[in-house]
PDB file of N, CA and C in Angstrom:
ATOM      1  N   UNK A   1      43.777   8.534  22.819  1.00  0.00           N
ATOM      2  CA  UNK A   1      44.245  10.134  22.028  1.00  0.00           C
ATOM      3  C   UNK A   1      44.881  10.847  23.133  1.00  0.00           C
ATOM      4  N   UNK A   2      46.093  10.845  22.560  1.00  0.00           N
ATOM      5  CA  UNK A   2      47.317  11.893  23.584  1.00  0.00           C
ATOM      6  C   UNK A   2      46.577  13.057  23.484  1.00  0.00           C
ATOM      7  N   UNK A   3      47.004  14.067  24.832  1.00  0.00           N
ATOM      8  CA  UNK A   3      46.456  15.224  24.476  1.00  0.00           C
ATOM      9  C   UNK A   3      47.437  16.198  24.782  1.00  0.00           C
ATOM     10  N   UNK A   4      48.057  17.187  23.374  1.00  0.00           N
ATOM     11  CA  UNK A   4      48.851  18.141  23.258  1.00  0.00           C
ATOM     12  C   UNK A   4      48.853  19.328  24.258  1.00  0.00           C
ATOM     13  N   UNK A   5      50.166  19.318  24.825  1.00  0.00           N
ATOM     14  CA  UNK A   5      50.141  20.771  25.838  1.00  0.00           C
ATOM     15  C   UNK A   5      51.682  21.346  25.285  1.00  0.00           C
ATOM     16  N   UNK A   6      51.523  22.618  25.839  1.00  0.00           N
ATOM     17  CA  UNK A   6      52.273  23.557  25.528  1.00  0.00           C
ATOM     18  C   UNK A   6      53.215  23.608  26.509  1.00  0.00           C
ATOM     19  N   UNK A   7      54.310  23.318  26.623  1.00  0.00           N
ATOM     20  CA  UNK A   7      55.292  23.551  27.622  1.00  0.00           C
ATOM     21  C   UNK A   7      55.900  24.369  28.086  1.00  0.00           C
ATOM     22  N   UNK A   8      56.290  25.098  26.882  1.00  0.00           N
ATOM     23  CA  UNK A   8      56.845  26.154  27.647  1.00  0.00           C
ATOM     24  C   UNK A   8      56.900  26.853  26.011  1.00  0.00           C
ATOM     25  N   UNK A   9      57.405  28.313  26.615  1.00  0.00           N
ATOM     26  CA  UNK A   9      57.373  29.192  25.307  1.00  0.00           C
ATOM     27  C   UNK A   9      58.834  30.092  24.987  1.00  0.00           C
ATOM     28  N   UNK A  10      59.034  30.335  24.249  1.00  0.00           N
ATOM     29  CA  UNK A  10      60.212  31.415  23.681  1.00  0.00           C
ATOM     30  C   UNK A  10      60.360  32.415  22.896  1.00  0.00           C
ATOM     31  N   UNK A  11      60.793  33.334  23.033  1.00  0.00           N
ATOM     32  CA  UNK A  11      60.796  34.436  22.221  1.00  0.00           C
ATOM     33  C   UNK A  11      62.084  35.401  22.055  1.00  0.00           C
ATOM     34  N   UNK A  12      62.414  36.154  20.992  1.00  0.00           N
ATOM     35  CA  UNK A  12      63.162  37.049  21.134  1.00  0.00           C
ATOM     36  C   UNK A  12      63.124  38.555  21.008  1.00  0.00           C
ATOM     37  N   UNK A  13      63.347  39.455  21.631  1.00  0.00           N
ATOM     38  CA  UNK A  13      63.024  41.029  21.966  1.00  0.00           C
ATOM     39  C   UNK A  13      62.444  41.446  20.823  1.00  0.00           C
ATOM     40  N   UNK A  14      61.787  42.744  20.195  1.00  0.00           N
ATOM     41  CA  UNK A  14      61.561  42.827  19.265  1.00  0.00           C
ATOM     42  C   UNK A  14      62.165  44.341  19.256  1.00  0.00           C
ATOM     43  N   UNK A  15      63.094  44.281  18.267  1.00  0.00           N
ATOM     44  CA  UNK A  15      64.096  45.376  17.660  1.00  0.00           C
ATOM     45  C   UNK A  15      63.293  46.469  16.745  1.00  0.00           C
ATOM     46  N   UNK A  16      63.917  47.486  16.750  1.00  0.00           N
ATOM     47  CA  UNK A  16      63.451  48.932  16.127  1.00  0.00           C
ATOM     48  C   UNK A  16      63.818  48.406  14.201  1.00  0.00           C
ATOM     49  N   UNK A  17      63.154  49.220  13.409  1.00  0.00           N
ATOM     50  CA  UNK A  17      63.440  48.842  12.100  1.00  0.00           C
ATOM     51  C   UNK A  17      64.594  49.036  12.017  1.00  0.00           C
ATOM     52  N   UNK A  18      65.342  48.321  11.049  1.00  0.00           N
ATOM     53  CA  UNK A  18      67.091  48.505  10.724  1.00  0.00           C
ATOM     54  C   UNK A  18      67.783  48.546  12.259  1.00  0.00           C
ATOM     55  N   UNK A  19      67.128  48.370  12.992  1.00  0.00           N
ATOM     56  CA  UNK A  19      68.271  48.499  14.784  1.00  0.00           C
ATOM     57  C   UNK A  19      69.135  47.313  14.708  1.00  0.00           C
ATOM     58  N   UNK A  20      69.340  47.043  16.237  1.00  0.00           N
ATOM     59  CA  UNK A  20      70.326  46.694  16.868  1.00  0.00           C
ATOM     60  C   UNK A  20      70.406  44.725  16.158  1.00  0.00           C
ATOM     61  N   UNK A  21      69.036  44.384  15.442  1.00  0.00           N
ATOM     62  CA  UNK A  21      68.629  42.688  15.532  1.00  0.00           C
ATOM     63  C   UNK A  21      68.651  43.057  13.572  1.00  0.00           C
ATOM     64  N   UNK A  22      68.996  43.964  13.098  1.00  0.00           N
ATOM     65  CA  UNK A  22      68.638  44.003  11.336  1.00  0.00           C
ATOM     66  C   UNK A  22      69.953  43.213  11.093  1.00  0.00           C
ATOM     67  N   UNK A  23      70.984  42.767  11.465  1.00  0.00           N
ATOM     68  CA  UNK A  23      71.747  42.175  10.873  1.00  0.00           C
ATOM     69  C   UNK A  23      71.605  40.609  11.175  1.00  0.00           C
ATOM     70  N   UNK A  24      70.455  40.072  11.621  1.00  0.00           N
ATOM     71  CA  UNK A  24      70.203  38.442  12.072  1.00  0.00           C
ATOM     72  C   UNK A  24      69.218  38.282  11.046  1.00  0.00           C
ATOM     73  N   UNK A  25      69.446  37.392  10.614  1.00  0.00           N
ATOM     74  CA  UNK A  25      68.593  36.439   9.609  1.00  0.00           C
ATOM     75  C   UNK A  25      67.479  35.920  10.473  1.00  0.00           C
ATOM     76  N   UNK A  26      66.199  35.728  10.024  1.00  0.00           N
ATOM     77  CA  UNK A  26      65.254  34.749  10.832  1.00  0.00           C
ATOM     78  C   UNK A  26      65.866  33.686  11.048  1.00  0.00           C
ATOM     79  N   UNK A  27      66.675  33.001  10.618  1.00  0.00           N
ATOM     80  CA  UNK A  27      67.083  31.387  10.864  1.00  0.00           C
ATOM     81  C   UNK A  27      67.724  31.954  11.989  1.00  0.00           C
ATOM     82  N   UNK A  28      68.574  32.851  12.153  1.00  0.00           N
ATOM     83  CA  UNK A  28      69.488  33.537  13.581  1.00  0.00           C
ATOM     84  C   UNK A  28      68.816  33.456  14.734  1.00  0.00           C
ATOM     85  N   UNK A  29      67.454  34.361  14.185  1.00  0.00           N
ATOM     86  CA  UNK A  29      66.691  34.381  15.176  1.00  0.00           C
ATOM     87  C   UNK A  29      65.797  33.167  15.999  1.00  0.00           C
ATOM     88  N   UNK A  30      65.671  32.265  15.111  1.00  0.00           N
ATOM     89  CA  UNK A  30      65.017  31.240  15.348  1.00  0.00           C
ATOM     90  C   UNK A  30      65.969  30.404  16.220  1.00  0.00           C
ATOM     91  N   UNK A  31      67.166  30.268  15.460  1.00  0.00           N
ATOM     92  CA  UNK A  31      68.428  29.368  16.482  1.00  0.00           C
ATOM     93  C   UNK A  31      68.207  30.186  18.145  1.00  0.00           C
ATOM     94  N   UNK A  32      68.041  31.341  18.013  1.00  0.00           N
ATOM     95  CA  UNK A  32      68.258  31.896  19.546  1.00  0.00           C
ATOM     96  C   UNK A  32      67.043  31.547  20.340  1.00  0.00           C
ATOM     97  N   UNK A  33      66.018  31.801  19.737  1.00  0.00           N
ATOM     98  CA  UNK A  33      64.566  31.301  20.409  1.00  0.00           C
ATOM     99  C   UNK A  33      64.413  29.758  20.631  1.00  0.00           C
ATOM    100  N   UNK A  34      64.801  29.051  19.919  1.00  0.00           N
ATOM    101  CA  UNK A  34      64.828  27.064  20.005  1.00  0.00           C
ATOM    102  C   UNK A  34      65.838  26.984  21.091  1.00  0.00           C
ATOM    103  N   UNK A  35      66.871  27.753  21.031  1.00  0.00           N
ATOM    104  CA  UNK A  35      67.997  26.942  22.127  1.00  0.00           C
ATOM    105  C   UNK A  35      67.963  27.675  23.140  1.00  0.00           C
ATOM    106  N   UNK A  36      67.047  28.711  23.506  1.00  0.00           N
ATOM    107  CA  UNK A  36      66.700  29.276  24.857  1.00  0.00           C
ATOM    108  C   UNK A  36      65.456  28.362  25.376  1.00  0.00           C
ATOM    109  N   UNK A  37      64.414  27.893  24.495  1.00  0.00           N
ATOM    110  CA  UNK A  37      63.471  27.102  24.987  1.00  0.00           C
ATOM    111  C   UNK A  37      64.000  26.181  25.670  1.00  0.00           C
ATOM    112  N   UNK A  38      65.092  24.941  25.000  1.00  0.00           N
ATOM    113  CA  UNK A  38      65.821  24.039  25.396  1.00  0.00           C
ATOM    114  C   UNK A  38      66.358  24.126  26.451  1.00  0.00           C
ATOM    115  N   UNK A  39      66.865  24.990  26.574  1.00  0.00           N
ATOM    116  CA  UNK A  39      67.429  25.477  27.869  1.00  0.00           C
ATOM    117  C   UNK A  39      66.870  25.689  28.836  1.00  0.00           C
ATOM    118  N   UNK A  40      66.098  26.664  28.525  1.00  0.00           N
ATOM    119  CA  UNK A  40      64.766  26.829  29.862  1.00  0.00           C
ATOM    120  C   UNK A  40      64.219  25.440  30.353  1.00  0.00           C
ATOM    121  N   UNK A  41      64.002  24.465  29.407  1.00  0.00           N
ATOM    122  CA  UNK A  41      63.202  23.378  30.033  1.00  0.00           C
ATOM    123  C   UNK A  41      63.997  22.259  30.668  1.00  0.00           C
ATOM    124  N   UNK A  42      65.528  22.566  30.316  1.00  0.00           N
ATOM    125  CA  UNK A  42      66.165  21.583  30.706  1.00  0.00           C
ATOM    126  C   UNK A  42      66.269  20.700  29.518  1.00  0.00           C
ATOM    127  N   UNK A  43      66.448  20.788  28.354  1.00  0.00           N
ATOM    128  CA  UNK A  43      66.492  19.481  27.583  1.00  0.00           C
ATOM    129  C   UNK A  43      67.608  19.534  26.717  1.00  0.00           C
ATOM    130  N   UNK A  44      68.911  18.362  27.325  1.00  0.00           N
ATOM    131  CA  UNK A  44      69.687  18.448  26.330  1.00  0.00           C
ATOM    132  C   UNK A  44      69.584  18.264  24.922  1.00  0.00           C
ATOM    133  N   UNK A  45      69.750  19.059  23.992  1.00  0.00           N
ATOM    134  CA  UNK A  45      69.437  18.940  22.399  1.00  0.00           C
ATOM    135  C   UNK A  45      69.791  17.500  21.987  1.00  0.00           C
ATOM    136  N   UNK A  46      70.695  17.023  22.493  1.00  0.00           N
ATOM    137  CA  UNK A  46      71.128  15.708  22.155  1.00  0.00           C
ATOM    138  C   UNK A  46      70.307  14.273  22.632  1.00  0.00           C
ATOM    139  N   UNK A  47      69.558  14.799  23.046  1.00  0.00           N
ATOM    140  CA  UNK A  47      68.871  13.643  23.960  1.00  0.00           C
ATOM    141  C   UNK A  47      68.172  12.776  23.273  1.00  0.00           C
ATOM    142  N   UNK A  48      67.542  12.887  22.182  1.00  0.00           N
ATOM    143  CA  UNK A  48      66.903  12.307  21.116  1.00  0.00           C
ATOM    144  C   UNK A  48      65.183  12.595  21.443  1.00  0.00           C
ATOM    145  N   UNK A  49      64.729  13.568  22.430  1.00  0.00           N
ATOM    146  CA  UNK A  49      63.631  13.563  22.767  1.00  0.00           C
ATOM    147  C   UNK A  49      62.361  14.205  21.983  1.00  0.00           C
ATOM    148  N   UNK A  50      63.495  15.096  21.078  1.00  0.00           N
ATOM    149  CA  UNK A  50      62.636  16.326  20.787  1.00  0.00           C
ATOM    150  C   UNK A  50      62.258  15.320  18.998  1.00  0.00           C
ATOM    151  N   UNK A  51      61.369  14.893  18.544  1.00  0.00           N
ATOM    152  CA  UNK A  51      60.749  13.835  17.585  1.00  0.00           C
ATOM    153  C   UNK A  51      60.465  14.827  16.221  1.00  0.00           C
ATOM    154  N   UNK A  52      60.192  16.259  16.393  1.00  0.00           N
ATOM    155  CA  UNK A  52      60.591  17.158  15.180  1.00  0.00           C
ATOM    156  C   UNK A  52      60.218  18.626  15.337  1.00  0.00           C
ATOM    157  N   UNK A  53      60.989  19.377  14.109  1.00  0.00           N
ATOM    158  CA  UNK A  53      60.989  21.027  14.399  1.00  0.00           C
ATOM    159  C   UNK A  53      60.354  21.391  13.361  1.00  0.00           C
ATOM    160  N   UNK A  54      58.883  22.288  13.483  1.00  0.00           N
ATOM    161  CA  UNK A  54      57.937  22.588  12.708  1.00  0.00           C
ATOM    162  C   UNK A  54      57.922  24.208  13.013  1.00  0.00           C
ATOM    163  N   UNK A  55      58.694  24.748  12.007  1.00  0.00           N
ATOM    164  CA  UNK A  55      58.678  26.369  12.159  1.00  0.00           C
ATOM    165  C   UNK A  55      57.766  27.124  10.861  1.00  0.00           C
ATOM    166  N   UNK A  56      57.139  28.097  11.099  1.00  0.00           N
ATOM    167  CA  UNK A  56      56.552  28.467  10.124  1.00  0.00           C
ATOM    168  C   UNK A  56      57.700  29.846   9.800  1.00  0.00           C
ATOM    169  N   UNK A  57      57.309  30.326   8.249  1.00  0.00           N
ATOM    170  CA  UNK A  57      58.436  31.735   8.043  1.00  0.00           C
ATOM    171  C   UNK A  57      57.829  31.925   6.377  1.00  0.00           C
ATOM    172  N   UNK A  58      57.382  33.228   6.756  1.00  0.00           N
ATOM    173  CA  UNK A  58      56.711  34.050   5.469  1.00  0.00           C
ATOM    174  C   UNK A  58      57.720  34.073   4.517  1.00  0.00           C
ATOM    175  N   UNK A  59      59.093  34.834   4.635  1.00  0.00           N
ATOM    176  CA  UNK A  59      59.295  35.718   3.917  1.00  0.00           C
ATOM    177  C   UNK A  59      61.163  34.602   3.585  1.00  0.00           C
ATOM    178  N   UNK A  60      60.794  33.522   3.116  1.00  0.00           N
ATOM    179  CA  UNK A  60      61.501  32.578   2.906  1.00  0.00           C
ATOM    180  C   UNK A  60      62.436  32.981   1.803  1.00  0.00           C
ATOM    181  N   UNK A  61      62.516  33.732   1.147  1.00  0.00           N
ATOM    182  CA  UNK A  61      63.618  33.961  -0.219  1.00  0.00           C
ATOM    183  C   UNK A  61      64.998  34.484   0.038  1.00  0.00           C
ATOM    184  N   UNK A  62      65.825  34.030  -0.072  1.00  0.00           N
ATOM    185  CA  UNK A  62      67.556  34.280   0.485  1.00  0.00           C
ATOM    186  C   UNK A  62      67.647  33.087   1.799  1.00  0.00           C
ATOM    187  N   UNK A  63      66.412  32.550   2.220  1.00  0.00           N
ATOM    188  CA  UNK A  63      66.995  32.153   3.932  1.00  0.00           C
ATOM    189  C   UNK A  63      67.681  30.749   3.474  1.00  0.00           C
ATOM    190  N   UNK A  64      67.650  30.159   1.926  1.00  0.00           N
ATOM    191  CA  UNK A  64      68.130  28.661   1.929  1.00  0.00           C
ATOM    192  C   UNK A  64      67.271  27.670   2.260  1.00  0.00           C
ATOM    193  N   UNK A  65      67.795  26.249   1.838  1.00  0.00           N
ATOM    194  CA  UNK A  65      66.534  25.111   1.842  1.00  0.00           C
ATOM    195  C   UNK A  65      66.035  25.314   3.403  1.00  0.00           C
ATOM    196  N   UNK A  66      64.967  24.521   3.289  1.00  0.00           N
ATOM    197  CA  UNK A  66      64.599  24.357   4.993  1.00  0.00           C
ATOM    198  C   UNK A  66      65.035  25.209   6.215  1.00  0.00           C
ATOM    199  N   UNK A  67      64.643  26.429   6.192  1.00  0.00           N
ATOM    200  CA  UNK A  67      65.164  27.265   7.246  1.00  0.00           C
ATOM    201  C   UNK A  67      64.740  26.336   8.545  1.00  0.00           C
ATOM    202  N   UNK A  68      63.823  25.827   8.658  1.00  0.00           N
ATOM    203  CA  UNK A  68      63.364  24.893  10.188  1.00  0.00           C
ATOM    204  C   UNK A  68      64.497  24.295  10.429  1.00  0.00           C
ATOM    205  N   UNK A  69      64.870  23.638   9.615  1.00  0.00           N
ATOM    206  CA  UNK A  69      66.081  22.269   9.446  1.00  0.00           C
ATOM    207  C   UNK A  69      67.302  23.298   9.996  1.00  0.00           C
ATOM    208  N   UNK A  70      67.627  24.498   8.907  1.00  0.00           N
ATOM    209  CA  UNK A  70      68.763  25.477   9.892  1.00  0.00           C
ATOM    210  C   UNK A  70      68.725  25.372  11.548  1.00  0.00           C
ATOM    211  N   UNK A  71      67.309  26.011  11.738  1.00  0.00           N
ATOM    212  CA  UNK A  71      67.415  25.982  13.116  1.00  0.00           C
ATOM    213  C   UNK A  71      67.504  24.802  13.985  1.00  0.00           C
ATOM    214  N   UNK A  72      67.004  24.030  14.016  1.00  0.00           N
ATOM    215  CA  UNK A  72      66.915  22.532  14.522  1.00  0.00           C
ATOM    216  C   UNK A  72      68.602  22.233  14.475  1.00  0.00           C
ATOM    217  N   UNK A  73      69.411  22.297  13.441  1.00  0.00           N
ATOM    218  CA  UNK A  73      70.681  22.038  13.498  1.00  0.00           C
ATOM    219  C   UNK A  73      71.420  23.246  14.364  1.00  0.00           C
ATOM    220  N   UNK A  74      71.179  24.526  13.779  1.00  0.00           N
ATOM    221  CA  UNK A  74      71.875  25.353  14.721  1.00  0.00           C
ATOM    222  C   UNK A  74      71.640  25.266  16.183  1.00  0.00           C
ATOM    223  N   UNK A  75      70.283  24.775  16.692  1.00  0.00           N
ATOM    224  CA  UNK A  75      70.018  24.400  18.012  1.00  0.00           C
ATOM    225  C   UNK A  75      70.858  23.465  18.842  1.00  0.00           C
ATOM    226  N   UNK A  76      71.435  22.707  17.975  1.00  0.00           N
ATOM    227  CA  UNK A  76      72.067  21.563  18.386  1.00  0.00           C
ATOM    228  C   UNK A  76      71.363  20.366  18.520  1.00  0.00           C
ATOM    229  N   UNK A  77      70.299  20.123  17.529  1.00  0.00           N
ATOM    230  CA  UNK A  77      69.679  19.039  17.543  1.00  0.00           C
ATOM    231  C   UNK A  77      70.377  18.150  16.856  1.00  0.00           C
ATOM    232  N   UNK A  78      70.407  16.976  16.674  1.00  0.00           N
ATOM    233  CA  UNK A  78      70.992  16.085  16.218  1.00  0.00           C
ATOM    234  C   UNK A  78      70.254  15.894  14.624  1.00  0.00           C
ATOM    235  N   UNK A  79      71.060  15.589  13.602  1.00  0.00           N
ATOM    236  CA  UNK A  79      70.972  15.653  12.160  1.00  0.00           C
ATOM    237  C   UNK A  79      70.005  14.530  11.677  1.00  0.00           C
ATOM    238  N   UNK A  80      69.322  13.880  12.819  1.00  0.00           N
ATOM    239  CA  UNK A  80      68.349  12.868  12.482  1.00  0.00           C
ATOM    240  C   UNK A  80      66.809  13.492  12.995  1.00  0.00           C
ATOM    241  N   UNK A  81      66.827  14.785  13.594  1.00  0.00           N
ATOM    242  CA  UNK A  81      65.704  15.295  14.297  1.00  0.00           C
ATOM    243  C   UNK A  81      65.042  15.761  12.641  1.00  0.00           C
ATOM    244  N   UNK A  82      63.870  15.287  12.349  1.00  0.00           N
ATOM    245  CA  UNK A  82      63.346  15.720  11.384  1.00  0.00           C
ATOM    246  C   UNK A  82      62.850  17.505  11.496  1.00  0.00           C
ATOM    247  N   UNK A  83      62.506  18.516  10.327  1.00  0.00           N
ATOM    248  CA  UNK A  83      62.542  19.631  10.433  1.00  0.00           C
ATOM    249  C   UNK A  83      61.168  20.015   9.149  1.00  0.00           C
ATOM    250  N   UNK A  84      60.264  20.786   9.097  1.00  0.00           N
ATOM    251  CA  UNK A  84      59.642  20.989   8.270  1.00  0.00           C
ATOM    252  C   UNK A  84      59.397  22.607   8.532  1.00  0.00           C
ATOM    253  N   UNK A  85      59.468  23.428   7.237  1.00  0.00           N
ATOM    254  CA  UNK A  85      58.984  24.921   7.173  1.00  0.00           C
ATOM    255  C   UNK A  85      57.375  24.921   6.949  1.00  0.00           C
ATOM    256  N   UNK A  86      56.959  25.702   7.199  1.00  0.00           N
ATOM    257  CA  UNK A  86      55.581  25.748   6.869  1.00  0.00           C
ATOM    258  C   UNK A  86      55.284  27.605   6.308  1.00  0.00           C
ATOM    259  N   UNK A  87      54.838  27.618   5.356  1.00  0.00           N
ATOM    260  CA  UNK A  87      54.466  29.322   4.766  1.00  0.00           C
ATOM    261  C   UNK A  87      52.971  29.186   4.503  1.00  0.00           C
ATOM    262  N   UNK A  88      52.539  29.977   5.610  1.00  0.00           N
ATOM    263  CA  UNK A  88      51.106  30.270   5.511  1.00  0.00           C
ATOM    264  C   UNK A  88      50.510  31.399   5.737  1.00  0.00           C
ATOM    265  N   UNK A  89      51.702  32.432   4.976  1.00  0.00           N
ATOM    266  CA  UNK A  89      51.662  34.021   5.418  1.00  0.00           C
ATOM    267  C   UNK A  89      51.520  34.328   6.742  1.00  0.00           C
ATOM    268  N   UNK A  90      50.425  35.206   6.896  1.00  0.00           N
ATOM    269  CA  UNK A  90      50.257  35.541   8.423  1.00  0.00           C
ATOM    270  C   UNK A  90      49.883  34.377   9.694  1.00  0.00           C
ATOM    271  N   UNK A  91      49.724  33.066   9.047  1.00  0.00           N
ATOM    272  CA  UNK A  91      49.587  31.823   9.752  1.00  0.00           C
ATOM    273  C   UNK A  91      50.391  31.303  10.119  1.00  0.00           C
ATOM    274  N   UNK A  92      51.515  31.500   9.558  1.00  0.00           N
ATOM    275  CA  UNK A  92      52.504  30.301   9.135  1.00  0.00           C
ATOM    276  C   UNK A  92      52.448  29.643  10.845  1.00  0.00           C
ATOM    277  N   UNK A  93      53.117  30.477  11.905  1.00  0.00           N
ATOM    278  CA  UNK A  93      53.397  29.764  13.102  1.00  0.00           C
ATOM    279  C   UNK A  93      52.553  29.089  13.979  1.00  0.00           C
ATOM    280  N   UNK A  94      51.229  29.459  13.536  1.00  0.00           N
ATOM    281  CA  UNK A  94      49.956  28.792  14.223  1.00  0.00           C
ATOM    282  C   UNK A  94      49.643  27.740  13.466  1.00  0.00           C
ATOM    283  N   UNK A  95      50.091  27.685  12.285  1.00  0.00           N
ATOM    284  CA  UNK A  95      49.781  26.469  11.323  1.00  0.00           C
ATOM    285  C   UNK A  95      50.718  25.492  12.011  1.00  0.00           C
ATOM    286  N   UNK A  96      51.805  25.858  12.528  1.00  0.00           N
ATOM    287  CA  UNK A  96      52.972  25.233  12.612  1.00  0.00           C
ATOM    288  C   UNK A  96      52.756  24.584  13.890  1.00  0.00           C
ATOM    289  N   UNK A  97      51.717  25.203  14.805  1.00  0.00           N
ATOM    290  CA  UNK A  97      52.239  24.752  16.034  1.00  0.00           C
ATOM    291  C   UNK A  97      50.430  23.453  15.981  1.00  0.00           C
ATOM    292  N   UNK A  98      49.880  23.816  15.021  1.00  0.00           N
ATOM    293  CA  UNK A  98      48.527  23.304  14.646  1.00  0.00           C
ATOM    294  C   UNK A  98      49.125  21.900  14.195  1.00  0.00           C
ATOM    295  N   UNK A  99      49.805  21.811  13.268  1.00  0.00           N
ATOM    296  CA  UNK A  99      50.237  20.476  12.989  1.00  0.00           C
ATOM    297  C   UNK A  99      51.060  20.084  13.619  1.00  0.00           C
ATOM    298  N   UNK A 100      51.961  20.600  14.454  1.00  0.00           N
ATOM    299  CA  UNK A 100      52.540  19.491  15.757  1.00  0.00           C
ATOM    300  C   UNK A 100      51.722  18.801  16.561  1.00  0.00           C
ATOM    301  N   UNK A 101      50.438  19.990  17.097  1.00  0.00           N
ATOM    302  CA  UNK A 101      49.568  18.970  17.922  1.00  0.00           C
ATOM    303  C   UNK A 101      48.692  18.372  17.312  1.00  0.00           C
ATOM    304  N   UNK A 102      48.462  18.456  16.147  1.00  0.00           N
ATOM    305  CA  UNK A 102      47.778  16.991  14.914  1.00  0.00           C
ATOM    306  C   UNK A 102      48.876  15.802  15.309  1.00  0.00           C
ATOM    307  N   UNK A 103      50.247  15.811  15.145  1.00  0.00           N
ATOM    308  CA  UNK A 103      50.649  14.565  15.195  1.00  0.00           C
ATOM    309  C   UNK A 103      50.999  14.074  16.288  1.00  0.00           C
ATOM    310  N   UNK A 104      50.846  14.980  17.528  1.00  0.00           N
ATOM    311  CA  UNK A 104      51.001  14.530  19.078  1.00  0.00           C
ATOM    312  C   UNK A 104      49.607  13.680  19.264  1.00  0.00           C
ATOM    313  N   UNK A 105      48.653  14.136  18.622  1.00  0.00           N
ATOM    314  CA  UNK A 105      47.354  13.674  18.985  1.00  0.00           C
ATOM    315  C   UNK A 105      46.950  12.352  18.036  1.00  0.00           C
ATOM    316  N   UNK A 106      47.511  12.457  17.106  1.00  0.00           N
ATOM    317  CA  UNK A 106      47.536  11.171  16.316  1.00  0.00           C
ATOM    318  C   UNK A 106      48.581  10.046  16.742  1.00  0.00           C
ATOM    319  N   UNK A 107      49.738  10.238  17.658  1.00  0.00           N
ATOM    320  CA  UNK A 107      50.387   9.793  18.295  1.00  0.00           C
ATOM    321  C   UNK A 107      51.515   9.018  17.558  1.00  0.00           C
ATOM    322  N   UNK A 108      51.573  10.290  16.628  1.00  0.00           N
ATOM    323  CA  UNK A 108      53.117  10.025  15.301  1.00  0.00           C
ATOM    324  C   UNK A 108      54.553  10.654  16.551  1.00  0.00           C
ATOM    325  N   UNK A 109      53.836  11.460  16.995  1.00  0.00           N
ATOM    326  CA  UNK A 109      55.102  12.223  18.098  1.00  0.00           C
ATOM    327  C   UNK A 109      54.589  12.121  19.298  1.00  0.00           C
ATOM    328  N   UNK A 110      55.804  12.385  20.198  1.00  0.00           N
ATOM    329  CA  UNK A 110      55.468  12.774  21.704  1.00  0.00           C
ATOM    330  C   UNK A 110      56.040  14.469  21.994  1.00  0.00           C
ATOM    331  N   UNK A 111      56.811  14.719  21.524  1.00  0.00           N
ATOM    332  CA  UNK A 111      57.396  16.181  21.631  1.00  0.00           C
ATOM    333  C   UNK A 111      58.213  16.761  20.167  1.00  0.00           C
ATOM    334  N   UNK A 112      57.610  18.133  20.151  1.00  0.00           N
ATOM    335  CA  UNK A 112      57.897  18.935  18.864  1.00  0.00           C
ATOM    336  C   UNK A 112      57.892  20.116  19.235  1.00  0.00           C
ATOM    337  N   UNK A 113      59.050  20.339  18.712  1.00  0.00           N
ATOM    338  CA  UNK A 113      59.632  22.374  18.561  1.00  0.00           C
ATOM    339  C   UNK A 113      58.588  23.036  17.475  1.00  0.00           C
ATOM    340  N   UNK A 114      57.910  23.694  18.077  1.00  0.00           N
ATOM    341  CA  UNK A 114      56.906  24.285  16.989  1.00  0.00           C
ATOM    342  C   UNK A 114      56.675  25.974  17.019  1.00  0.00           C
ATOM    343  N   UNK A 115      56.801  26.895  16.074  1.00  0.00           N
ATOM    344  CA  UNK A 115      56.754  27.931  16.113  1.00  0.00           C
ATOM    345  C   UNK A 115      56.837  28.728  15.187  1.00  0.00           C
ATOM    346  N   UNK A 116      57.314  29.930  14.958  1.00  0.00           N
ATOM    347  CA  UNK A 116      57.290  30.876  13.515  1.00  0.00           C
ATOM    348  C   UNK A 116      58.963  31.558  13.913  1.00  0.00           C
ATOM    349  N   UNK A 117      59.564  32.441  12.669  1.00  0.00           N
ATOM    350  CA  UNK A 117      61.020  33.251  12.855  1.00  0.00           C
ATOM    351  C   UNK A 117      60.482  34.124  11.911  1.00  0.00           C
ATOM    352  N   UNK A 118      60.888  35.074  11.642  1.00  0.00           N
ATOM    353  CA  UNK A 118      61.108  36.082  11.005  1.00  0.00           C
ATOM    354  C   UNK A 118      61.748  37.272  11.067  1.00  0.00           C
ATOM    355  N   UNK A 119      62.093  37.760  10.137  1.00  0.00           N
ATOM    356  CA  UNK A 119      62.933  39.224  10.157  1.00  0.00           C
ATOM    357  C   UNK A 119      62.738  39.997   9.052  1.00  0.00           C
ATOM    358  N   UNK A 120      62.102  41.300   9.380  1.00  0.00           N
ATOM    359  CA  UNK A 120      61.467  41.809   8.003  1.00  0.00           C
ATOM    360  C   UNK A 120      62.676  43.616   8.426  1.00  0.00           C
ATOM    361  N   UNK A 121      63.656  43.239   8.535  1.00  0.00           N
ATOM    362  CA  UNK A 121      64.300  44.416   8.572  1.00  0.00           C
ATOM    363  C   UNK A 121      65.517  44.468   7.192  1.00  0.00           C
TER     364      UNK A 121
END
């Protein structure tokens, strides 16, 4: 059984309420974080190595269909990369990571981008 490992992490800075990031959507912030992550680990988004993107988001109203898919495409991953958005309220991003670990442990995937995104301003 493969052992899941966290290879790298990325996040955006925290802004003030109605501050510099208030015009950015959760998807915009997710794209910045995932793009930065891929760059940090030296992974070409078009390499096909990312098997899936799983992102948690609580406030999805107005975000459009499948925000995780929007993040994957915005970060330059191929359209063939599956994406899943999870809403488990405050545990959404942790659940995304748990689902990724389970898929890796089951041998279904080898490399998954998982995390969370939110914009509450």
